[in-house]
Amino acid sequence: MNNKVLIAYFSHEGEAYAGGKIVTLEIGNTRVAAQMMEKMMGADVFRIETVKPYPYSHMETVTIAQTEQREDARPELKGNNINVEDYDTIVLGYPNWWGTMPMAVFTFLESHDFFGKTILPFCTHEGSALGNSESDIAELIPDAELLKGLAVRGQTAQNRQDEAREAVTDWLREGGFIE
């Protein structure tokens, strides 16, 4: 298959909600899943990062992220100079924050031309799966082909990596991205 793939993802390190309690993540859940995909696909990787980082504290991040969502904000991104035109497929990863992607991912999608690209979305979550993110992506970049997304529980990505790897492998195989 002659298909140049980019894994673009947003992930948050620090405190996170998992299993009914606040835990500390040295490596964010979405980053864990993205690293699995990178090894399987040999794809290029781009981390979506905001100029102003989100706080370490879960509750402070919740407050900021909910305000951004309510205000339909577009946080400024750091190093957002990736040339999406060089890729055929973009594997797009993000945590599910209140039913959709973090607003930084909205910024990323609106900052690039995805005409004719294939988008393969995946998210990490603690119970809400993909939420409205697939329809939000379709609305933001209607000229791209949006394939079926994958939702991986954050706790699974962190603590049951064999199970997460199996889900990722099955999803990528089903899409024809790995053998």
C-alpha atoms as a PDB file:
ATOM      1  CA  MET A   1       0.000   0.000   0.000  1.00  0.00           C
ATOM      2  CA  ASN A   2       1.477   3.350  -1.046  1.00  0.00           C
ATOM      3  CA  ASN A   3      -0.122   5.513   1.628  1.00  0.00           C
ATOM      4  CA  LYS A   4       1.817   8.143   3.562  1.00  0.00           C
ATOM      5  CA  VAL A   5       0.428   8.303   7.093  1.00  0.00           C
ATOM      6  CA  LEU A   6       0.662  10.965   9.791  1.00  0.00           C
ATOM      7  CA  ILE A   7      -0.394  10.353  13.374  1.00  0.00           C
ATOM      8  CA  ALA A   8      -1.447  13.738  14.780  1.00  0.00           C
ATOM      9  CA  TYR A   9      -2.541  13.650  18.396  1.00  0.00           C
ATOM     10  CA  PHE A  10      -3.282  15.770  21.434  1.00  0.00           C
ATOM     11  CA  SER A  11      -2.592  14.317  24.873  1.00  0.00           C
ATOM     12  CA  HIS A  12      -2.523  15.677  28.414  1.00  0.00           C
ATOM     13  CA  GLU A  13      -0.032  14.650  31.064  1.00  0.00           C
ATOM     14  CA  GLY A  14      -0.555  15.267  34.737  1.00  0.00           C
ATOM     15  CA  GLU A  15      -3.632  14.538  36.781  1.00  0.00           C
ATOM     16  CA  ALA A  16      -6.540  12.778  35.105  1.00  0.00           C
ATOM     17  CA  TYR A  17      -9.815  11.177  36.097  1.00  0.00           C
ATOM     18  CA  ALA A  18      -9.762   7.388  35.905  1.00  0.00           C
ATOM     19  CA  GLY A  19     -11.842   4.739  37.588  1.00  0.00           C
ATOM     20  CA  GLY A  20     -13.659   7.195  39.824  1.00  0.00           C
ATOM     21  CA  LYS A  21     -10.525   8.869  41.172  1.00  0.00           C
ATOM     22  CA  ILE A  22      -7.777  11.300  40.204  1.00  0.00           C
ATOM     23  CA  VAL A  23      -4.574   9.619  39.023  1.00  0.00           C
ATOM     24  CA  THR A  24      -1.240  10.971  37.798  1.00  0.00           C
ATOM     25  CA  LEU A  25      -0.206  10.257  34.220  1.00  0.00           C
ATOM     26  CA  GLU A  26       3.441  10.672  33.303  1.00  0.00           C
ATOM     27  CA  ILE A  27       2.466   9.856  29.719  1.00  0.00           C
ATOM     28  CA  GLY A  28      -1.060  10.805  28.658  1.00  0.00           C
ATOM     29  CA  ASN A  29      -3.484   8.095  27.580  1.00  0.00           C
ATOM     30  CA  THR A  30      -3.766   9.337  24.006  1.00  0.00           C
ATOM     31  CA  ARG A  31       0.002   9.514  23.697  1.00  0.00           C
ATOM     32  CA  VAL A  32       0.271   5.883  24.873  1.00  0.00           C
ATOM     33  CA  ALA A  33      -2.153   4.809  22.125  1.00  0.00           C
ATOM     34  CA  ALA A  34      -0.421   6.998  19.504  1.00  0.00           C
ATOM     35  CA  GLN A  35       2.939   5.413  20.353  1.00  0.00           C
ATOM     36  CA  MET A  36       1.419   1.956  19.844  1.00  0.00           C
ATOM     37  CA  MET A  37       0.180   3.011  16.414  1.00  0.00           C
ATOM     38  CA  GLU A  38       3.515   4.563  15.509  1.00  0.00           C
ATOM     39  CA  LYS A  39       5.268   1.230  16.157  1.00  0.00           C
ATOM     40  CA  MET A  40       2.665  -0.723  14.182  1.00  0.00           C
ATOM     41  CA  MET A  41       2.434   1.626  11.207  1.00  0.00           C
ATOM     42  CA  GLY A  42       5.882   3.205  11.032  1.00  0.00           C
ATOM     43  CA  ALA A  43       4.067   6.498  10.503  1.00  0.00           C
ATOM     44  CA  ASP A  44       5.278  10.037  11.096  1.00  0.00           C
ATOM     45  CA  VAL A  45       4.023  11.593  14.338  1.00  0.00           C
ATOM     46  CA  PHE A  46       2.968  15.146  15.165  1.00  0.00           C
ATOM     47  CA  ARG A  47       1.953  16.137  18.675  1.00  0.00           C
ATOM     48  CA  ILE A  48      -0.694  18.861  18.812  1.00  0.00           C
ATOM     49  CA  GLU A  49       0.357  21.211  21.617  1.00  0.00           C
ATOM     50  CA  THR A  50      -0.969  24.534  22.810  1.00  0.00           C
ATOM     51  CA  VAL A  51       1.256  27.583  23.267  1.00  0.00           C
ATOM     52  CA  LYS A  52      -0.127  27.900  26.778  1.00  0.00           C
ATOM     53  CA  PRO A  53       0.027  24.402  28.280  1.00  0.00           C
ATOM     54  CA  TYR A  54      -2.897  23.047  30.251  1.00  0.00           C
ATOM     55  CA  PRO A  55      -2.264  22.836  34.000  1.00  0.00           C
ATOM     56  CA  TYR A  56      -0.986  19.719  35.734  1.00  0.00           C
ATOM     57  CA  SER A  57      -4.043  19.782  38.007  1.00  0.00           C
ATOM     58  CA  HIS A  58      -7.056  17.883  36.723  1.00  0.00           C
ATOM     59  CA  MET A  59      -9.577  20.328  38.183  1.00  0.00           C
ATOM     60  CA  GLU A  60      -7.758  23.378  36.787  1.00  0.00           C
ATOM     61  CA  THR A  61      -7.619  21.713  33.358  1.00  0.00           C
ATOM     62  CA  VAL A  62     -11.335  20.904  33.593  1.00  0.00           C
ATOM     63  CA  THR A  63     -12.167  24.533  34.320  1.00  0.00           C
ATOM     64  CA  ILE A  64     -10.070  25.877  31.436  1.00  0.00           C
ATOM     65  CA  ALA A  65     -11.149  23.227  28.941  1.00  0.00           C
ATOM     66  CA  GLN A  66     -14.858  23.642  29.745  1.00  0.00           C
ATOM     67  CA  THR A  67     -14.550  27.416  29.371  1.00  0.00           C
ATOM     68  CA  GLU A  68     -12.836  26.940  26.008  1.00  0.00           C
ATOM     69  CA  GLN A  69     -15.597  24.621  24.867  1.00  0.00           C
ATOM     70  CA  ARG A  70     -18.382  26.927  26.088  1.00  0.00           C
ATOM     71  CA  GLU A  71     -16.754  29.891  24.312  1.00  0.00           C
ATOM     72  CA  ASP A  72     -15.945  27.840  21.174  1.00  0.00           C
ATOM     73  CA  ALA A  73     -12.340  28.970  21.658  1.00  0.00           C
ATOM     74  CA  ARG A  74      -9.444  28.101  19.400  1.00  0.00           C
ATOM     75  CA  PRO A  75      -6.306  27.886  21.558  1.00  0.00           C
ATOM     76  CA  GLU A  76      -3.126  28.896  19.775  1.00  0.00           C
ATOM     77  CA  LEU A  77      -0.953  25.935  18.838  1.00  0.00           C
ATOM     78  CA  LYS A  78       2.790  25.565  19.247  1.00  0.00           C
ATOM     79  CA  GLY A  79       4.726  24.419  16.159  1.00  0.00           C
ATOM     80  CA  ASN A  80       1.620  23.952  14.015  1.00  0.00           C
ATOM     81  CA  ASN A  81       3.710  23.970  10.842  1.00  0.00           C
ATOM     82  CA  ILE A  82       3.286  20.331   9.823  1.00  0.00           C
ATOM     83  CA  ASN A  83       2.615  20.025   6.093  1.00  0.00           C
ATOM     84  CA  VAL A  84      -0.555  17.911   5.994  1.00  0.00           C
ATOM     85  CA  GLU A  85      -0.430  18.002   2.181  1.00  0.00           C
ATOM     86  CA  ASP A  86       2.468  15.515   2.334  1.00  0.00           C
ATOM     87  CA  TYR A  87       0.170  12.809   3.737  1.00  0.00           C
ATOM     88  CA  ASP A  88      -2.662  10.678   2.388  1.00  0.00           C
ATOM     89  CA  THR A  89      -4.021   9.551   5.754  1.00  0.00           C
ATOM     90  CA  ILE A  90      -4.121  11.344   9.068  1.00  0.00           C
ATOM     91  CA  VAL A  91      -4.674   9.261  12.177  1.00  0.00           C
ATOM     92  CA  LEU A  92      -6.157  11.848  14.544  1.00  0.00           C
ATOM     93  CA  GLY A  93      -5.955  11.181  18.276  1.00  0.00           C
ATOM     94  CA  TYR A  94      -7.392  13.046  21.245  1.00  0.00           C
ATOM     95  CA  PRO A  95      -8.991  12.528  24.658  1.00  0.00           C
ATOM     96  CA  ASN A  96     -12.764  12.876  24.833  1.00  0.00           C
ATOM     97  CA  TRP A  97     -13.348  16.058  26.796  1.00  0.00           C
ATOM     98  CA  TRP A  98     -17.060  16.556  27.518  1.00  0.00           C
ATOM     99  CA  GLY A  99     -18.392  14.750  24.484  1.00  0.00           C
ATOM    100  CA  THR A 100     -15.892  15.839  21.841  1.00  0.00           C
ATOM    101  CA  MET A 101     -12.275  16.730  21.128  1.00  0.00           C
ATOM    102  CA  PRO A 102     -10.292  19.327  23.064  1.00  0.00           C
ATOM    103  CA  MET A 103     -10.594  22.727  21.395  1.00  0.00           C
ATOM    104  CA  ALA A 104      -6.898  22.553  20.449  1.00  0.00           C
ATOM    105  CA  VAL A 105      -7.822  19.766  18.017  1.00  0.00           C
ATOM    106  CA  PHE A 106     -10.482  22.031  16.499  1.00  0.00           C
ATOM    107  CA  THR A 107      -7.700  24.621  15.998  1.00  0.00           C
ATOM    108  CA  PHE A 108      -5.504  21.999  14.328  1.00  0.00           C
ATOM    109  CA  LEU A 109      -8.249  20.852  11.959  1.00  0.00           C
ATOM    110  CA  GLU A 110      -9.165  24.413  10.974  1.00  0.00           C
ATOM    111  CA  SER A 111      -5.497  25.317  10.405  1.00  0.00           C
ATOM    112  CA  HIS A 112      -4.862  22.835   7.600  1.00  0.00           C
ATOM    113  CA  ASP A 113      -6.349  21.753   4.282  1.00  0.00           C
ATOM    114  CA  PHE A 114      -7.635  18.207   4.496  1.00  0.00           C
ATOM    115  CA  PHE A 115      -9.168  18.095   1.007  1.00  0.00           C
ATOM    116  CA  GLY A 116      -9.015  14.504  -0.274  1.00  0.00           C
ATOM    117  CA  LYS A 117      -7.351  13.187   2.894  1.00  0.00           C
ATOM    118  CA  THR A 118      -8.462  10.109   4.781  1.00  0.00           C
ATOM    119  CA  ILE A 119      -9.042  10.770   8.483  1.00  0.00           C
ATOM    120  CA  LEU A 120      -8.864   7.930  10.979  1.00  0.00           C
ATOM    121  CA  PRO A 121      -9.977   9.273  14.393  1.00  0.00           C
ATOM    122  CA  PHE A 122      -9.248   7.675  17.744  1.00  0.00           C
ATOM    123  CA  CYS A 123      -9.885   8.854  21.259  1.00  0.00           C
ATOM    124  CA  THR A 124      -9.213   7.867  24.807  1.00  0.00           C
ATOM    125  CA  HIS A 125     -12.037   8.246  27.280  1.00  0.00           C
ATOM    126  CA  GLU A 126     -13.406   7.154  30.628  1.00  0.00           C
ATOM    127  CA  GLY A 127     -16.899   6.185  29.526  1.00  0.00           C
ATOM    128  CA  SER A 128     -18.123   8.466  26.742  1.00  0.00           C
ATOM    129  CA  ALA A 129     -16.362   6.732  23.823  1.00  0.00           C
ATOM    130  CA  LEU A 130     -16.106   8.964  20.727  1.00  0.00           C
ATOM    131  CA  GLY A 131     -19.014  11.162  21.821  1.00  0.00           C
ATOM    132  CA  ASN A 132     -19.806  13.743  19.119  1.00  0.00           C
ATOM    133  CA  SER A 133     -16.222  13.963  17.889  1.00  0.00           C
ATOM    134  CA  GLU A 134     -16.790  12.111  14.612  1.00  0.00           C
ATOM    135  CA  SER A 135     -19.649  14.404  13.591  1.00  0.00           C
ATOM    136  CA  ASP A 136     -17.607  17.427  14.709  1.00  0.00           C
ATOM    137  CA  ILE A 137     -14.695  16.293  12.515  1.00  0.00           C
ATOM    138  CA  ALA A 138     -17.033  15.716   9.565  1.00  0.00           C
ATOM    139  CA  GLU A 139     -18.434  19.227   9.979  1.00  0.00           C
ATOM    140  CA  LEU A 140     -14.998  20.871  10.333  1.00  0.00           C
ATOM    141  CA  ILE A 141     -13.364  19.137   7.365  1.00  0.00           C
ATOM    142  CA  PRO A 142     -16.146  18.007   5.009  1.00  0.00           C
ATOM    143  CA  ASP A 143     -13.744  17.493   2.080  1.00  0.00           C
ATOM    144  CA  ALA A 144     -11.961  14.640   3.853  1.00  0.00           C
ATOM    145  CA  GLU A 145     -12.986  10.990   3.972  1.00  0.00           C
ATOM    146  CA  LEU A 146     -13.763  10.138   7.582  1.00  0.00           C
ATOM    147  CA  LEU A 147     -13.351   6.477   8.486  1.00  0.00           C
ATOM    148  CA  LYS A 148     -14.748   4.641  11.509  1.00  0.00           C
ATOM    149  CA  GLY A 149     -13.105   5.815  14.706  1.00  0.00           C
ATOM    150  CA  LEU A 150     -11.724   3.887  17.657  1.00  0.00           C
ATOM    151  CA  ALA A 151     -12.409   4.617  21.315  1.00  0.00           C
ATOM    152  CA  VAL A 152      -9.999   3.210  23.909  1.00  0.00           C
ATOM    153  CA  ARG A 153     -10.579   3.607  27.621  1.00  0.00           C
ATOM    154  CA  GLY A 154      -7.758   5.600  29.140  1.00  0.00           C
ATOM    155  CA  GLN A 155      -7.342   3.076  31.938  1.00  0.00           C
ATOM    156  CA  THR A 156      -6.939   0.359  29.333  1.00  0.00           C
ATOM    157  CA  ALA A 157      -4.265   2.328  27.452  1.00  0.00           C
ATOM    158  CA  GLN A 158      -2.367   2.907  30.703  1.00  0.00           C
ATOM    159  CA  ASN A 159      -2.855  -0.310  32.654  1.00  0.00           C
ATOM    160  CA  ARG A 160      -3.888  -3.044  30.229  1.00  0.00           C
ATOM    161  CA  GLN A 161      -1.673  -2.289  27.264  1.00  0.00           C
ATOM    162  CA  ASP A 162      -1.990  -5.765  25.725  1.00  0.00           C
ATOM    163  CA  GLU A 163      -5.769  -5.263  25.578  1.00  0.00           C
ATOM    164  CA  ALA A 164      -5.367  -1.759  24.135  1.00  0.00           C
ATOM    165  CA  ARG A 165      -2.810  -2.979  21.580  1.00  0.00           C
ATOM    166  CA  GLU A 166      -5.211  -5.706  20.470  1.00  0.00           C
ATOM    167  CA  ALA A 167      -8.027  -3.175  19.943  1.00  0.00           C
ATOM    168  CA  VAL A 168      -5.687  -0.855  18.012  1.00  0.00           C
ATOM    169  CA  THR A 169      -4.375  -3.742  15.901  1.00  0.00           C
ATOM    170  CA  ASP A 170      -7.882  -4.966  15.028  1.00  0.00           C
ATOM    171  CA  TRP A 171      -8.983  -1.420  14.098  1.00  0.00           C
ATOM    172  CA  LEU A 172      -5.960  -0.758  11.881  1.00  0.00           C
ATOM    173  CA  ARG A 173      -6.293  -4.183  10.225  1.00  0.00           C
ATOM    174  CA  GLU A 174      -9.996  -3.633   9.594  1.00  0.00           C
ATOM    175  CA  GLY A 175      -9.143  -0.340   7.886  1.00  0.00           C
ATOM    176  CA  GLY A 176      -6.428  -1.993   5.785  1.00  0.00           C
ATOM    177  CA  PHE A 177      -3.600   0.006   7.364  1.00  0.00           C
ATOM    178  CA  ILE A 178      -1.625  -2.971   8.667  1.00  0.00           C
ATOM    179  CA  GLU A 179      -1.556  -6.656   7.815  1.00  0.00           C
END
